[in-house]
Amino acid sequence: MSNFETNKIFAAVLTAGIVAMFAGFVAERLVHPQMPDEDAVPIAALEGSAGGAAPAAADTLEPIMHLIATADIARGEKLSKACAACHSFDQGGPNKVGPNLWGVLGGKKAHLDGFAYSPAMVKAGGTWGYGELNHFLRKPKSFVDGTKMNFAGMKKPEDRAAIIAWLRTMGSSLALPSDSDIAKEAAELAPPPVASEETEAATDAPAGDAKTPPAEAPAE
């Protein structure tokens, strides 16, 4: 066997070894990924675990009455296009999957005779004021449990204010919110105060823990 053929065989074996090592390295990375020592983003403990219950995500209703007077009505009209598949808005317009919404702001709930509202909506009663529409547009099923309206909700208070301000131009005679209306809504929707650790400790401490100063010796 010539030296040339020997070198070819040696090179082939060496190449095969290198390929096998590289394939093993890749397979190890794919099948057994290295796990980091710490989470890149801290994850709150699940309820029932040693770390305690995970805090619930905030799901608060923001006030919008202070935004109504200066809301972008053109933006509200643009946002209403997403509702046009189920509702009409012009006076005398047809009912679709949902009722015609001309004059809905300031009107009574289940305001159209002959439309098949859900029993929950009929039972709700009352009128559609600014606060009611704000709550309903934020999350319909949380405001009227059992409504047939399958709409996830409008998260941004600016968007809700804009579409409500536009609905006010569609057959509504409801006056703009007064200063007292704005203050009342802000007070009703204000988040509860968060107690500090010092306040909680002072509240939880039993009365008997208070230190009684030593009595002074009587003067002779």
C-alpha atoms as a PDB file:
ATOM      1  CA  MET A   1       0.000   0.000   0.000  1.00  0.00           C
ATOM      2  CA  SER A   2       1.478   3.356  -1.003  1.00  0.00           C
ATOM      3  CA  ASN A   3       1.973   6.254   1.355  1.00  0.00           C
ATOM      4  CA  PHE A   4      -0.626   8.217  -0.611  1.00  0.00           C
ATOM      5  CA  GLU A   5      -3.325   5.591   0.026  1.00  0.00           C
ATOM      6  CA  THR A   6      -2.310   5.367   3.684  1.00  0.00           C
ATOM      7  CA  ASN A   7      -2.670   9.143   4.047  1.00  0.00           C
ATOM      8  CA  LYS A   8      -6.096   8.986   2.392  1.00  0.00           C
ATOM      9  CA  ILE A   9      -7.300   6.346   4.871  1.00  0.00           C
ATOM     10  CA  PHE A  10      -5.861   8.259   7.814  1.00  0.00           C
ATOM     11  CA  ALA A  11      -7.528  11.482   6.613  1.00  0.00           C
ATOM     12  CA  ALA A  12     -10.875   9.687   6.182  1.00  0.00           C
ATOM     13  CA  VAL A  13     -10.732   8.253   9.701  1.00  0.00           C
ATOM     14  CA  LEU A  14      -9.731  11.619  11.136  1.00  0.00           C
ATOM     15  CA  THR A  15     -12.548  13.373   9.262  1.00  0.00           C
ATOM     16  CA  ALA A  16     -15.091  10.787  10.438  1.00  0.00           C
ATOM     17  CA  GLY A  17     -13.944  11.294  14.016  1.00  0.00           C
ATOM     18  CA  ILE A  18     -14.246  15.049  13.773  1.00  0.00           C
ATOM     19  CA  VAL A  19     -17.738  14.771  12.203  1.00  0.00           C
ATOM     20  CA  ALA A  20     -18.828  12.356  14.950  1.00  0.00           C
ATOM     21  CA  MET A  21     -17.566  14.674  17.679  1.00  0.00           C
ATOM     22  CA  PHE A  22     -19.291  17.680  16.081  1.00  0.00           C
ATOM     23  CA  ALA A  23     -22.559  15.738  15.659  1.00  0.00           C
ATOM     24  CA  GLY A  24     -22.438  14.658  19.278  1.00  0.00           C
ATOM     25  CA  PHE A  25     -21.859  18.249  20.399  1.00  0.00           C
ATOM     26  CA  VAL A  26     -24.828  19.494  18.347  1.00  0.00           C
ATOM     27  CA  ALA A  27     -27.070  16.668  19.566  1.00  0.00           C
ATOM     28  CA  GLU A  28     -26.134  17.391  23.172  1.00  0.00           C
ATOM     29  CA  ARG A  29     -27.100  21.031  22.703  1.00  0.00           C
ATOM     30  CA  LEU A  30     -30.406  20.198  21.025  1.00  0.00           C
ATOM     31  CA  VAL A  31     -31.576  17.361  23.247  1.00  0.00           C
ATOM     32  CA  HIS A  32     -30.039  18.453  26.541  1.00  0.00           C
ATOM     33  CA  PRO A  33     -29.981  22.237  26.600  1.00  0.00           C
ATOM     34  CA  GLN A  34     -28.006  23.857  29.351  1.00  0.00           C
ATOM     35  CA  MET A  35     -30.289  25.430  31.964  1.00  0.00           C
ATOM     36  CA  PRO A  36     -29.320  28.782  33.502  1.00  0.00           C
ATOM     37  CA  ASP A  37     -28.606  28.923  37.213  1.00  0.00           C
ATOM     38  CA  GLU A  38     -31.157  31.727  37.659  1.00  0.00           C
ATOM     39  CA  ASP A  39     -34.311  32.790  35.814  1.00  0.00           C
ATOM     40  CA  ALA A  40     -33.700  35.639  33.395  1.00  0.00           C
ATOM     41  CA  VAL A  41     -37.006  37.144  34.581  1.00  0.00           C
ATOM     42  CA  PRO A  42     -38.135  36.441  38.177  1.00  0.00           C
ATOM     43  CA  ILE A  43     -41.375  34.436  38.256  1.00  0.00           C
ATOM     44  CA  ALA A  44     -43.797  34.919  41.112  1.00  0.00           C
ATOM     45  CA  ALA A  45     -44.593  31.826  43.136  1.00  0.00           C
ATOM     46  CA  LEU A  46     -47.785  29.985  42.330  1.00  0.00           C
ATOM     47  CA  GLU A  47     -50.574  29.754  44.876  1.00  0.00           C
ATOM     48  CA  GLY A  48     -49.934  26.920  47.316  1.00  0.00           C
ATOM     49  CA  SER A  49     -46.165  26.910  46.802  1.00  0.00           C
ATOM     50  CA  ALA A  50     -43.655  27.675  49.504  1.00  0.00           C
ATOM     51  CA  GLY A  51     -43.317  31.244  48.253  1.00  0.00           C
ATOM     52  CA  GLY A  52     -46.983  32.041  48.846  1.00  0.00           C
ATOM     53  CA  ALA A  53     -49.727  33.135  46.465  1.00  0.00           C
ATOM     54  CA  ALA A  54     -48.903  35.011  43.282  1.00  0.00           C
ATOM     55  CA  PRO A  55     -50.363  38.536  43.186  1.00  0.00           C
ATOM     56  CA  ALA A  56     -53.394  38.912  40.922  1.00  0.00           C
ATOM     57  CA  ALA A  57     -53.072  41.083  37.815  1.00  0.00           C
ATOM     58  CA  ALA A  58     -54.602  44.519  38.159  1.00  0.00           C
ATOM     59  CA  ASP A  59     -58.007  44.741  36.508  1.00  0.00           C
ATOM     60  CA  THR A  60     -59.291  48.141  37.505  1.00  0.00           C
ATOM     61  CA  LEU A  61     -61.791  50.378  35.739  1.00  0.00           C
ATOM     62  CA  GLU A  62     -60.315  53.786  35.004  1.00  0.00           C
ATOM     63  CA  PRO A  63     -62.503  56.933  35.151  1.00  0.00           C
ATOM     64  CA  ILE A  64     -63.156  58.624  31.811  1.00  0.00           C
ATOM     65  CA  MET A  65     -65.574  61.507  32.495  1.00  0.00           C
ATOM     66  CA  HIS A  66     -62.715  64.014  32.731  1.00  0.00           C
ATOM     67  CA  LEU A  67     -61.722  63.007  29.183  1.00  0.00           C
ATOM     68  CA  ILE A  68     -65.133  63.329  27.506  1.00  0.00           C
ATOM     69  CA  ALA A  69     -65.160  67.089  26.839  1.00  0.00           C
ATOM     70  CA  THR A  70     -61.786  67.032  25.051  1.00  0.00           C
ATOM     71  CA  ALA A  71     -61.981  63.532  23.560  1.00  0.00           C
ATOM     72  CA  ASP A  72     -61.102  63.048  19.886  1.00  0.00           C
ATOM     73  CA  ILE A  73     -64.515  62.527  18.278  1.00  0.00           C
ATOM     74  CA  ALA A  74     -62.977  61.665  14.906  1.00  0.00           C
ATOM     75  CA  ARG A  75     -61.001  58.922  16.607  1.00  0.00           C
ATOM     76  CA  GLY A  76     -64.207  57.682  18.225  1.00  0.00           C
ATOM     77  CA  GLU A  77     -65.887  57.447  14.821  1.00  0.00           C
ATOM     78  CA  LYS A  78     -62.880  55.523  13.491  1.00  0.00           C
ATOM     79  CA  LEU A  79     -63.019  53.112  16.448  1.00  0.00           C
ATOM     80  CA  SER A  80     -66.723  52.517  15.799  1.00  0.00           C
ATOM     81  CA  LYS A  81     -65.857  50.884  12.459  1.00  0.00           C
ATOM     82  CA  ALA A  82     -64.833  47.782  14.405  1.00  0.00           C
ATOM     83  CA  CYS A  83     -68.405  47.625  15.782  1.00  0.00           C
ATOM     84  CA  ALA A  84     -70.138  48.154  12.432  1.00  0.00           C
ATOM     85  CA  ALA A  85     -70.260  44.427  11.658  1.00  0.00           C
ATOM     86  CA  CYS A  86     -72.763  43.977  14.507  1.00  0.00           C
ATOM     87  CA  HIS A  87     -74.311  47.439  14.941  1.00  0.00           C
ATOM     88  CA  SER A  88     -75.609  50.328  12.880  1.00  0.00           C
ATOM     89  CA  PHE A  89     -75.453  53.854  14.299  1.00  0.00           C
ATOM     90  CA  ASP A  90     -77.537  56.082  12.002  1.00  0.00           C
ATOM     91  CA  GLN A  91     -81.064  57.132  12.918  1.00  0.00           C
ATOM     92  CA  GLY A  92     -83.554  54.477  11.848  1.00  0.00           C
ATOM     93  CA  GLY A  93     -80.728  52.118  10.865  1.00  0.00           C
ATOM     94  CA  PRO A  94     -81.340  48.363  10.876  1.00  0.00           C
ATOM     95  CA  ASN A  95     -80.624  45.991  13.697  1.00  0.00           C
ATOM     96  CA  LYS A  96     -77.902  43.484  12.930  1.00  0.00           C
ATOM     97  CA  VAL A  97     -76.474  40.887  15.270  1.00  0.00           C
ATOM     98  CA  GLY A  98     -76.671  43.715  17.790  1.00  0.00           C
ATOM     99  CA  PRO A  99     -79.199  46.552  18.011  1.00  0.00           C
ATOM    100  CA  ASN A 100     -79.024  49.910  16.264  1.00  0.00           C
ATOM    101  CA  LEU A 101     -77.202  52.304  18.616  1.00  0.00           C
ATOM    102  CA  TRP A 102     -78.627  55.685  17.570  1.00  0.00           C
ATOM    103  CA  GLY A 103     -79.405  57.551  20.787  1.00  0.00           C
ATOM    104  CA  VAL A 104     -77.957  54.840  23.008  1.00  0.00           C
ATOM    105  CA  LEU A 105     -76.062  57.292  25.261  1.00  0.00           C
ATOM    106  CA  GLY A 106     -78.600  58.550  27.770  1.00  0.00           C
ATOM    107  CA  GLY A 107     -81.180  55.997  26.594  1.00  0.00           C
ATOM    108  CA  LYS A 108     -82.459  53.071  28.600  1.00  0.00           C
ATOM    109  CA  LYS A 109     -80.809  49.683  28.469  1.00  0.00           C
ATOM    110  CA  ALA A 110     -82.552  47.288  26.062  1.00  0.00           C
ATOM    111  CA  HIS A 111     -83.893  50.459  24.434  1.00  0.00           C
ATOM    112  CA  LEU A 112     -85.291  49.045  21.183  1.00  0.00           C
ATOM    113  CA  ASP A 113     -88.645  47.307  21.153  1.00  0.00           C
ATOM    114  CA  GLY A 114     -88.640  44.119  19.126  1.00  0.00           C
ATOM    115  CA  PHE A 115     -84.920  43.345  19.461  1.00  0.00           C
ATOM    116  CA  ALA A 116     -84.084  40.034  21.122  1.00  0.00           C
ATOM    117  CA  TYR A 117     -81.917  41.283  23.987  1.00  0.00           C
ATOM    118  CA  SER A 118     -80.464  38.784  26.414  1.00  0.00           C
ATOM    119  CA  PRO A 119     -82.544  38.276  29.582  1.00  0.00           C
ATOM    120  CA  ALA A 120     -79.596  39.662  31.557  1.00  0.00           C
ATOM    121  CA  MET A 121     -79.675  42.937  29.599  1.00  0.00           C
ATOM    122  CA  VAL A 122     -83.439  43.280  29.989  1.00  0.00           C
ATOM    123  CA  LYS A 123     -83.120  42.613  33.713  1.00  0.00           C
ATOM    124  CA  ALA A 124     -80.277  45.117  34.117  1.00  0.00           C
ATOM    125  CA  GLY A 125     -82.595  48.133  33.807  1.00  0.00           C
ATOM    126  CA  GLY A 126     -81.481  51.729  34.117  1.00  0.00           C
ATOM    127  CA  THR A 127     -79.942  53.945  31.463  1.00  0.00           C
ATOM    128  CA  TRP A 128     -76.680  54.140  29.551  1.00  0.00           C
ATOM    129  CA  GLY A 129     -74.843  57.012  31.201  1.00  0.00           C
ATOM    130  CA  TYR A 130     -71.155  57.786  30.859  1.00  0.00           C
ATOM    131  CA  GLY A 131     -70.190  55.534  33.747  1.00  0.00           C
ATOM    132  CA  GLU A 132     -72.318  52.626  32.568  1.00  0.00           C
ATOM    133  CA  LEU A 133     -70.934  52.739  29.025  1.00  0.00           C
ATOM    134  CA  ASN A 134     -67.407  53.091  30.366  1.00  0.00           C
ATOM    135  CA  HIS A 135     -67.817  49.903  32.408  1.00  0.00           C
ATOM    136  CA  PHE A 136     -69.602  48.027  29.611  1.00  0.00           C
ATOM    137  CA  LEU A 137     -67.049  48.916  26.936  1.00  0.00           C
ATOM    138  CA  ARG A 138     -64.189  48.004  29.300  1.00  0.00           C
ATOM    139  CA  LYS A 139     -65.481  44.450  29.718  1.00  0.00           C
ATOM    140  CA  PRO A 140     -69.117  43.772  28.742  1.00  0.00           C
ATOM    141  CA  LYS A 141     -69.551  40.487  30.578  1.00  0.00           C
ATOM    142  CA  SER A 142     -68.260  41.925  33.854  1.00  0.00           C
ATOM    143  CA  PHE A 143     -70.899  44.684  33.713  1.00  0.00           C
ATOM    144  CA  VAL A 144     -73.840  42.602  32.463  1.00  0.00           C
ATOM    145  CA  ASP A 145     -73.199  38.989  33.362  1.00  0.00           C
ATOM    146  CA  GLY A 146     -74.985  36.951  30.711  1.00  0.00           C
ATOM    147  CA  THR A 147     -74.968  39.494  27.893  1.00  0.00           C
ATOM    148  CA  LYS A 148     -74.873  38.025  24.398  1.00  0.00           C
ATOM    149  CA  MET A 149     -72.309  40.618  23.305  1.00  0.00           C
ATOM    150  CA  ASN A 150     -69.115  38.714  22.515  1.00  0.00           C
ATOM    151  CA  PHE A 151     -66.617  41.553  22.728  1.00  0.00           C
ATOM    152  CA  ALA A 152     -63.389  41.276  24.697  1.00  0.00           C
ATOM    153  CA  GLY A 153     -63.472  44.932  25.703  1.00  0.00           C
ATOM    154  CA  MET A 154     -61.703  48.211  25.061  1.00  0.00           C
ATOM    155  CA  LYS A 155     -58.705  48.475  27.387  1.00  0.00           C
ATOM    156  CA  LYS A 156     -57.538  52.072  26.899  1.00  0.00           C
ATOM    157  CA  PRO A 157     -59.606  54.708  28.743  1.00  0.00           C
ATOM    158  CA  GLU A 158     -58.760  57.250  26.000  1.00  0.00           C
ATOM    159  CA  ASP A 159     -60.369  54.964  23.401  1.00  0.00           C
ATOM    160  CA  ARG A 160     -63.478  54.468  25.508  1.00  0.00           C
ATOM    161  CA  ALA A 161     -63.779  58.209  26.056  1.00  0.00           C
ATOM    162  CA  ALA A 162     -63.381  58.864  22.326  1.00  0.00           C
ATOM    163  CA  ILE A 163     -66.085  56.426  21.215  1.00  0.00           C
ATOM    164  CA  ILE A 164     -68.478  57.564  23.949  1.00  0.00           C
ATOM    165  CA  ALA A 165     -67.916  61.203  22.951  1.00  0.00           C
ATOM    166  CA  TRP A 166     -68.709  60.224  19.349  1.00  0.00           C
ATOM    167  CA  LEU A 167     -71.851  58.340  20.437  1.00  0.00           C
ATOM    168  CA  ARG A 168     -72.960  61.563  22.131  1.00  0.00           C
ATOM    169  CA  THR A 169     -73.175  63.120  18.654  1.00  0.00           C
ATOM    170  CA  MET A 170     -75.376  60.247  17.461  1.00  0.00           C
ATOM    171  CA  GLY A 171     -78.797  61.293  18.731  1.00  0.00           C
ATOM    172  CA  SER A 172     -77.924  61.845  22.402  1.00  0.00           C
ATOM    173  CA  SER A 173     -79.095  64.861  24.423  1.00  0.00           C
ATOM    174  CA  LEU A 174     -77.037  63.919  27.489  1.00  0.00           C
ATOM    175  CA  ALA A 175     -75.118  66.900  28.891  1.00  0.00           C
ATOM    176  CA  LEU A 176     -71.366  66.805  29.248  1.00  0.00           C
ATOM    177  CA  PRO A 177     -70.172  65.575  32.658  1.00  0.00           C
ATOM    178  CA  SER A 178     -70.138  68.313  35.286  1.00  0.00           C
ATOM    179  CA  ASP A 179     -67.309  68.880  37.739  1.00  0.00           C
ATOM    180  CA  SER A 180     -69.324  67.096  40.416  1.00  0.00           C
ATOM    181  CA  ASP A 181     -69.903  64.132  38.075  1.00  0.00           C
ATOM    182  CA  ILE A 182     -66.164  63.932  37.386  1.00  0.00           C
ATOM    183  CA  ALA A 183     -65.281  64.148  41.091  1.00  0.00           C
ATOM    184  CA  LYS A 184     -67.876  61.516  42.029  1.00  0.00           C
ATOM    185  CA  GLU A 185     -66.625  59.067  39.382  1.00  0.00           C
ATOM    186  CA  ALA A 186     -62.999  59.611  40.422  1.00  0.00           C
ATOM    187  CA  ALA A 187     -63.890  58.928  44.067  1.00  0.00           C
ATOM    188  CA  GLU A 188     -65.888  55.793  43.216  1.00  0.00           C
ATOM    189  CA  LEU A 189     -63.148  54.318  41.030  1.00  0.00           C
ATOM    190  CA  ALA A 190     -60.157  55.359  43.125  1.00  0.00           C
ATOM    191  CA  PRO A 191     -58.039  52.337  44.135  1.00  0.00           C
ATOM    192  CA  PRO A 192     -58.064  51.522  47.859  1.00  0.00           C
ATOM    193  CA  PRO A 193     -55.123  52.906  49.828  1.00  0.00           C
ATOM    194  CA  VAL A 194     -52.215  50.533  50.323  1.00  0.00           C
ATOM    195  CA  ALA A 195     -51.204  50.163  53.962  1.00  0.00           C
ATOM    196  CA  SER A 196     -47.493  50.415  54.730  1.00  0.00           C
ATOM    197  CA  GLU A 197     -45.660  47.674  56.609  1.00  0.00           C
ATOM    198  CA  GLU A 198     -45.360  49.975  59.642  1.00  0.00           C
ATOM    199  CA  THR A 199     -49.104  50.626  59.642  1.00  0.00           C
ATOM    200  CA  GLU A 200     -49.916  46.923  59.348  1.00  0.00           C
ATOM    201  CA  ALA A 201     -47.500  46.059  62.144  1.00  0.00           C
ATOM    202  CA  ALA A 202     -49.025  48.713  64.405  1.00  0.00           C
ATOM    203  CA  THR A 203     -52.542  47.465  63.586  1.00  0.00           C
ATOM    204  CA  ASP A 204     -51.714  43.793  64.142  1.00  0.00           C
ATOM    205  CA  ALA A 205     -49.747  44.264  67.377  1.00  0.00           C
ATOM    206  CA  PRO A 206     -51.765  43.241  70.496  1.00  0.00           C
ATOM    207  CA  ALA A 207     -52.493  45.954  72.999  1.00  0.00           C
ATOM    208  CA  GLY A 208     -50.558  44.121  75.726  1.00  0.00           C
ATOM    209  CA  ASP A 209     -47.283  44.539  73.842  1.00  0.00           C
ATOM    210  CA  ALA A 210     -47.071  48.232  74.665  1.00  0.00           C
ATOM    211  CA  LYS A 211     -44.229  49.014  77.014  1.00  0.00           C
ATOM    212  CA  THR A 212     -45.339  50.490  80.359  1.00  0.00           C
ATOM    213  CA  PRO A 213     -42.837  53.024  81.711  1.00  0.00           C
ATOM    214  CA  PRO A 214     -41.486  52.178  85.154  1.00  0.00           C
ATOM    215  CA  ALA A 215     -43.099  53.999  88.063  1.00  0.00           C
ATOM    216  CA  GLU A 216     -40.997  56.745  89.620  1.00  0.00           C
ATOM    217  CA  ALA A 217     -39.954  56.361  93.237  1.00  0.00           C
ATOM    218  CA  PRO A 218     -41.874  58.698  95.538  1.00  0.00           C
ATOM    219  CA  ALA A 219     -39.933  61.732  96.668  1.00  0.00           C
ATOM    220  CA  GLU A 220     -38.889  61.627 100.300  1.00  0.00           C
END
